[in-house]
Amino acid sequence: MAASTAIVNGPAILPLSFFAKPLSCKLVSCTRLRAVNTRCRKLNAPDKLTFLSETIIKYKKRRIRNHITTYVSRDSSVEEGIGAHEQEAFDAELARFEMNQLEAFLNDLSKWLMVALFSLVLLLRHDAKAIWICAGSILNVGLSIALKRILNQERPSSATKSDPGMPSSHAQSLFFLSFVVILSMMDWLGMNIYTHLLAGLVLSLGSYFAWLRVSQGFHTLGQVTVGAVAGSVYVGLWFWIWDAIVLPAFISSLWIRLLVVVGGVGCILRFVVFLVYDWIMKEH
C-alpha cells in the first residue's frame, strides 16, 4: 500500500536504477550511463522513461546500422575474393592450355626439324660418310618398326594411333640425330670445352623433344626411354661399322663405292617418297 501511495503521490524523481538496469545495463557503456543519469535527474518520471526508451532505441538502431555496414562490406570483400579466385583459376587454366598448344606445335615440328638437320648434314659434308649417315637414319626407322612388331606393346589409352608403341620411333630418331651431331662436332672441332657444352645442349634438346611424346600422350615414359637407348646404341654401331669396315673397303674397291653411294641415295629417295605420301598427302 505504501509502495502504491509512493508511486501515485511519491517523489517527482525516481532512482535511475529503476529504469536503467532492466533496460540499458547491457546496451550502454559506463560513460554513457553516467551521462544518461545526469540528464535524467533533471526530468520527471514519465519524461525519464521516454528519454531512456529513446536512448535505448537510438543505441539499438546504431548497432543495427553498424552490423549492416559490416556485413555489406564483408559480403563485398567475399565477392571480390571469389571473383579474384575465379580469375586466377581461369588464368591458370588458360596458361595450361596455351602451354599444351605450344608443346603440341613443337611435337609436330620435331619431325620436320630432323629432316632439316639431316639435309644440313648432306649439304655441309657432301661426302660418302654423309650418305652413309642419312642411310643409317632411314634404316634406324625401319629397325624401330621391326622392334615394335616384336615387342608389340600398346600405346597409352590417350594415344590416337593404334600401332604398337614400344619403342618410340621419334625418340629413337631424335637420339640417333643427337649423337650424329655430337660425333660430327667432335670430328670437326675435337674434344674440348666447347664441344662438351654443345653436346650437353644437343642432348638436352633431344631429351625435351622426346619427352613431348610422353606429355602429348603418344607414348609412355618406358617406350620413350627404350627408343632413346636403341637410337643411341644404333648410331654408335653405325659409325663403328663405317670406320672399321666400310671406309677401308670404300677406299680400296670401286664396287663398294658404287654400292654405298647407290644404296645410300636409294634410301634417301625412298624416304622422300614416304615423306611426301605419309607426312604431307595423308595429313592434308
Protein backbone atom coordinates (compact mmCIF):
# COMPACT_ATOMS: atom_id res chain seq x y z
CA MET A 1 0.00 0.00 0.00
CA ALA A 2 2.82 2.34 0.92
CA ALA A 3 4.52 1.50 -2.32
CA SER A 4 1.30 2.29 -4.27
CA THR A 5 0.94 5.62 -2.49
CA ALA A 6 4.58 6.44 -3.18
CA ILE A 7 4.16 5.75 -6.86
CA VAL A 8 0.97 7.85 -7.19
CA ASN A 9 1.83 10.72 -4.84
CA GLY A 10 5.55 9.98 -4.49
CA PRO A 11 8.60 11.97 -5.32
CA ALA A 12 8.97 13.57 -8.66
CA ILE A 13 12.33 11.90 -9.25
CA LEU A 14 12.62 8.13 -9.16
CA PRO A 15 16.01 6.37 -8.82
CA LEU A 16 17.74 5.93 -12.19
CA SER A 17 18.44 2.27 -11.49
CA PHE A 18 14.69 1.63 -11.57
CA PHE A 19 14.78 2.23 -15.35
CA ALA A 20 18.39 1.83 -16.37
CA LYS A 21 19.23 -1.63 -15.02
CA PRO A 22 16.49 -3.67 -16.68
CA LEU A 23 16.68 -1.69 -19.93
CA SER A 24 20.10 -0.30 -20.65
CA CYS A 25 22.67 -2.02 -18.43
CA LYS A 26 23.79 -4.39 -21.17
CA LEU A 27 23.43 -1.91 -24.02
CA VAL A 28 25.35 1.23 -22.99
CA SER A 29 28.79 1.73 -21.53
CA CYS A 30 29.52 3.16 -18.09
CA THR A 31 30.36 6.55 -19.58
CA ARG A 32 27.08 6.67 -21.47
CA LEU A 33 25.25 5.53 -18.33
CA ARG A 34 26.67 8.38 -16.26
CA ALA A 35 25.72 10.88 -18.95
CA VAL A 36 22.21 9.48 -19.14
CA ASN A 37 21.95 9.53 -15.31
CA THR A 38 22.95 13.20 -15.17
CA ARG A 39 20.38 14.17 -17.76
CA CYS A 40 17.69 12.04 -16.17
CA ARG A 41 17.99 13.75 -12.79
CA LYS A 42 16.60 16.90 -14.33
CA LEU A 43 13.47 15.13 -15.64
CA ASN A 44 10.23 13.89 -14.12
CA ALA A 45 9.44 10.16 -14.05
CA PRO A 46 7.40 10.00 -17.28
CA ASP A 47 10.00 12.11 -19.06
CA LYS A 48 12.74 9.84 -17.70
CA LEU A 49 11.02 6.77 -19.11
CA THR A 50 10.57 8.45 -22.50
CA PHE A 51 14.17 9.66 -22.54
CA LEU A 52 15.57 6.24 -21.63
CA SER A 53 13.40 4.49 -24.20
CA GLU A 54 14.54 6.87 -26.93
CA THR A 55 18.16 6.48 -25.86
CA ILE A 56 17.93 2.69 -26.00
CA ILE A 57 16.15 2.79 -29.37
CA LYS A 58 18.83 5.10 -30.81
CA TYR A 59 21.56 2.83 -29.48
CA LYS A 60 19.93 -0.26 -30.97
CA LYS A 61 19.46 1.49 -34.32
CA ARG A 62 23.13 2.48 -34.28
CA ARG A 63 24.19 -1.12 -33.57
CA ILE A 64 21.93 -2.46 -36.31
CA ARG A 65 23.32 0.11 -38.74
CA ASN A 66 26.87 -0.86 -37.83
CA HIS A 67 26.07 -4.56 -38.30
CA ILE A 68 24.52 -3.91 -41.68
CA THR A 69 27.54 -1.89 -42.82
CA THR A 70 29.90 -4.59 -41.56
CA TYR A 71 28.04 -7.41 -43.30
CA VAL A 72 27.70 -5.47 -46.54
CA SER A 73 31.40 -4.70 -46.63
CA ARG A 74 32.17 -8.30 -45.66
CA ASP A 75 29.93 -9.64 -48.42
CA SER A 76 31.61 -7.29 -50.89
CA SER A 77 35.05 -8.47 -49.84
CA VAL A 78 33.91 -12.09 -50.06
CA GLU A 79 32.52 -11.49 -53.55
CA GLU A 80 35.74 -9.73 -54.55
CA GLY A 81 37.73 -12.67 -53.13
CA ILE A 82 35.63 -15.17 -55.01
CA GLY A 83 35.97 -13.15 -58.20
CA ALA A 84 39.73 -12.91 -57.77
CA HIS A 85 39.96 -16.66 -57.12
CA GLU A 86 37.87 -17.43 -60.21
CA GLN A 87 40.04 -15.08 -62.29
CA GLU A 88 43.23 -16.76 -61.03
CA ALA A 89 41.82 -20.20 -61.81
CA PHE A 90 40.82 -19.05 -65.30
CA ASP A 91 44.27 -17.54 -65.92
CA ALA A 92 45.96 -20.75 -64.75
CA GLU A 93 43.73 -22.87 -66.99
CA LEU A 94 44.40 -20.56 -69.94
CA ALA A 95 48.15 -20.76 -69.30
CA ARG A 96 47.99 -24.57 -69.21
CA PHE A 97 46.00 -24.61 -72.45
CA GLU A 98 48.48 -22.30 -74.18
CA MET A 99 51.41 -24.38 -72.94
CA ASN A 100 49.75 -27.55 -74.19
CA GLN A 101 49.18 -25.93 -77.59
CA LEU A 102 52.82 -24.86 -77.72
CA GLU A 103 54.02 -28.37 -76.84
CA ALA A 104 51.73 -29.87 -79.49
CA PHE A 105 53.17 -27.48 -82.07
CA LEU A 106 56.75 -28.34 -81.09
CA ASN A 107 55.92 -32.05 -81.19
CA ASP A 108 54.60 -31.73 -84.76
CA LEU A 109 57.63 -29.62 -85.65
CA SER A 110 60.14 -32.21 -84.41
CA LYS A 111 59.95 -34.49 -87.47
CA TRP A 112 60.50 -31.57 -89.83
CA LEU A 113 63.38 -30.44 -87.68
CA MET A 114 65.01 -33.86 -88.10
CA VAL A 115 64.55 -33.71 -91.87
CA ALA A 116 66.09 -30.22 -91.95
CA LEU A 117 69.10 -31.30 -89.87
CA PHE A 118 69.79 -34.39 -91.99
CA SER A 119 69.52 -32.23 -95.12
CA LEU A 120 72.02 -29.86 -93.50
CA VAL A 121 74.38 -32.79 -92.86
CA LEU A 122 74.25 -33.69 -96.56
CA LEU A 123 74.89 -30.10 -97.63
CA LEU A 124 77.75 -29.49 -95.22
CA ARG A 125 79.57 -32.79 -95.62
CA HIS A 126 78.52 -33.74 -99.20
CA ASP A 127 80.67 -36.87 -98.99
CA ALA A 128 80.21 -40.61 -98.76
CA LYS A 129 80.00 -40.55 -94.96
CA ALA A 130 77.09 -38.08 -95.12
CA ILE A 131 75.25 -40.51 -97.43
CA TRP A 132 76.08 -43.33 -95.02
CA ILE A 133 74.70 -41.35 -92.07
CA CYS A 134 71.45 -40.46 -93.88
CA ALA A 135 71.00 -44.06 -94.99
CA GLY A 136 71.59 -45.15 -91.39
CA SER A 137 68.92 -42.77 -90.12
CA ILE A 138 66.38 -44.28 -92.52
CA LEU A 139 67.36 -47.83 -91.57
CA ASN A 140 67.02 -46.73 -87.95
CA VAL A 141 63.33 -46.04 -88.56
CA GLY A 142 62.97 -49.49 -90.11
CA LEU A 143 64.64 -51.01 -87.04
CA SER A 144 62.16 -49.19 -84.81
CA ILE A 145 59.21 -50.56 -86.81
CA ALA A 146 60.62 -54.09 -86.55
CA LEU A 147 61.10 -53.74 -82.77
CA LYS A 148 57.52 -52.51 -82.41
CA ARG A 149 56.19 -55.63 -84.10
CA ILE A 150 58.40 -57.89 -81.99
CA LEU A 151 57.65 -56.26 -78.62
CA ASN A 152 54.02 -55.44 -79.54
CA GLN A 153 53.32 -53.16 -76.58
CA GLU A 154 50.25 -50.95 -76.75
CA ARG A 155 50.39 -47.18 -76.63
CA PRO A 156 48.70 -45.23 -73.79
CA SER A 157 44.91 -45.06 -73.89
CA SER A 158 45.10 -41.34 -74.79
CA ALA A 159 47.07 -42.03 -78.00
CA THR A 160 45.30 -41.51 -81.32
CA LYS A 161 47.37 -44.17 -83.14
CA SER A 162 46.62 -47.87 -82.81
CA ASP A 163 50.01 -49.33 -83.77
CA PRO A 164 52.37 -50.65 -81.07
CA GLY A 165 54.29 -48.03 -79.11
CA MET A 166 57.43 -49.84 -77.92
CA PRO A 167 59.87 -48.32 -78.72
CA SER A 168 59.11 -44.72 -79.66
CA SER A 169 60.25 -44.08 -83.24
CA HIS A 170 60.51 -40.36 -82.56
CA ALA A 171 62.77 -40.87 -79.56
CA GLN A 172 64.91 -43.38 -81.45
CA SER A 173 65.34 -41.00 -84.39
CA LEU A 174 65.92 -37.98 -82.14
CA PHE A 175 68.74 -39.65 -80.23
CA PHE A 176 70.24 -41.04 -83.43
CA LEU A 177 70.29 -37.48 -84.77
CA SER A 178 71.59 -36.03 -81.48
CA PHE A 179 74.61 -38.33 -81.46
CA VAL A 180 75.21 -37.75 -85.17
CA VAL A 181 75.51 -34.02 -84.41
CA ILE A 182 77.72 -34.66 -81.36
CA LEU A 183 80.07 -37.08 -83.15
CA SER A 184 80.28 -34.81 -86.18
CA MET A 185 81.22 -31.85 -83.96
CA MET A 186 83.92 -33.94 -82.32
CA ASP A 187 85.28 -34.87 -85.77
CA TRP A 188 85.44 -31.22 -86.81
CA LEU A 189 86.37 -29.46 -83.54
CA GLY A 190 87.95 -32.19 -81.46
CA MET A 191 87.39 -32.82 -77.76
CA ASN A 192 87.31 -29.51 -75.87
CA ILE A 193 85.15 -27.50 -73.50
CA TYR A 194 83.05 -26.08 -76.36
CA THR A 195 82.16 -29.46 -77.82
CA HIS A 196 81.26 -30.69 -74.33
CA LEU A 197 78.93 -27.74 -73.79
CA LEU A 198 77.38 -28.15 -77.23
CA ALA A 199 76.96 -31.88 -76.64
CA GLY A 200 75.07 -31.16 -73.40
CA LEU A 201 72.85 -28.67 -75.20
CA VAL A 202 72.10 -31.07 -78.06
CA LEU A 203 71.26 -33.93 -75.65
CA SER A 204 69.03 -31.60 -73.62
CA LEU A 205 67.09 -30.57 -76.73
CA GLY A 206 66.80 -34.18 -77.90
CA SER A 207 65.55 -35.25 -74.46
CA TYR A 208 62.99 -32.44 -74.40
CA PHE A 209 61.58 -33.28 -77.83
CA ALA A 210 61.46 -36.96 -76.86
CA TRP A 211 59.64 -36.08 -73.61
CA LEU A 212 56.99 -34.25 -75.64
CA ARG A 213 55.87 -37.68 -76.88
CA VAL A 214 55.00 -38.52 -73.26
CA SER A 215 53.39 -35.18 -72.39
CA GLN A 216 51.21 -35.34 -75.52
CA GLY A 217 50.07 -38.88 -74.65
CA PHE A 218 51.58 -40.71 -77.64
CA HIS A 219 53.94 -42.92 -75.63
CA THR A 220 54.73 -43.97 -72.10
CA LEU A 221 57.96 -42.95 -70.43
CA GLY A 222 59.28 -46.51 -70.78
CA GLN A 223 58.62 -46.55 -74.53
CA VAL A 224 60.44 -43.25 -74.99
CA THR A 225 63.36 -44.43 -72.82
CA VAL A 226 63.76 -47.66 -74.82
CA GLY A 227 63.63 -45.67 -78.07
CA ALA A 228 66.31 -43.27 -76.81
CA VAL A 229 68.60 -46.14 -75.76
CA ALA A 230 68.05 -48.00 -79.05
CA GLY A 231 68.81 -44.90 -81.13
CA SER A 232 71.96 -44.11 -79.11
CA VAL A 233 73.33 -47.67 -79.36
CA TYR A 234 72.46 -47.94 -83.05
CA VAL A 235 74.24 -44.69 -84.03
CA GLY A 236 77.39 -45.78 -82.23
CA LEU A 237 77.29 -49.12 -84.01
CA TRP A 238 76.64 -47.44 -87.38
CA PHE A 239 79.61 -45.11 -87.00
CA TRP A 240 81.83 -48.01 -85.90
CA ILE A 241 80.80 -50.07 -88.95
CA TRP A 242 81.77 -47.15 -91.20
CA ASP A 243 85.17 -46.55 -89.58
CA ALA A 244 86.12 -50.21 -89.06
CA ILE A 245 84.67 -51.98 -92.09
CA VAL A 246 83.11 -49.81 -94.78
CA LEU A 247 85.68 -46.99 -95.06
CA PRO A 248 88.69 -49.27 -95.78
CA ALA A 249 86.66 -51.21 -98.35
CA PHE A 250 85.27 -47.95 -99.78
CA ILE A 251 88.80 -46.68 -100.40
CA SER A 252 90.09 -49.88 -101.93
CA SER A 253 87.13 -51.07 -104.03
CA LEU A 254 85.16 -49.30 -106.73
CA TRP A 255 82.26 -51.70 -106.33
CA ILE A 256 81.96 -50.85 -102.65
CA ARG A 257 81.90 -47.17 -103.54
CA LEU A 258 79.10 -47.70 -106.03
CA LEU A 259 77.24 -49.88 -103.57
CA VAL A 260 77.47 -47.31 -100.77
CA VAL A 261 76.56 -44.34 -102.95
CA VAL A 262 73.73 -46.01 -104.90
CA GLY A 263 72.35 -47.72 -101.80
CA GLY A 264 72.50 -44.50 -99.76
CA VAL A 265 70.85 -42.42 -102.48
CA GLY A 266 68.17 -45.09 -102.89
CA CYS A 267 67.39 -44.96 -99.15
CA ILE A 268 67.18 -41.18 -99.27
CA LEU A 269 64.83 -41.21 -102.28
CA ARG A 270 62.68 -43.84 -100.59
CA PHE A 271 62.41 -41.61 -97.55
CA VAL A 272 61.45 -38.61 -99.70
CA VAL A 273 58.60 -40.64 -101.21
CA PHE A 274 57.49 -41.66 -97.71
CA LEU A 275 57.69 -38.03 -96.54
CA VAL A 276 55.54 -36.75 -99.40
CA TYR A 277 52.96 -39.54 -99.21
CA ASP A 278 52.69 -40.13 -95.47
CA TRP A 279 53.53 -36.76 -93.93
CA ILE A 280 52.07 -34.37 -96.49
CA MET A 281 49.35 -36.03 -98.57
CA LYS A 282 47.79 -38.03 -95.72
CA GLU A 283 47.73 -35.10 -93.31
CA HIS A 284 46.16 -32.75 -95.86
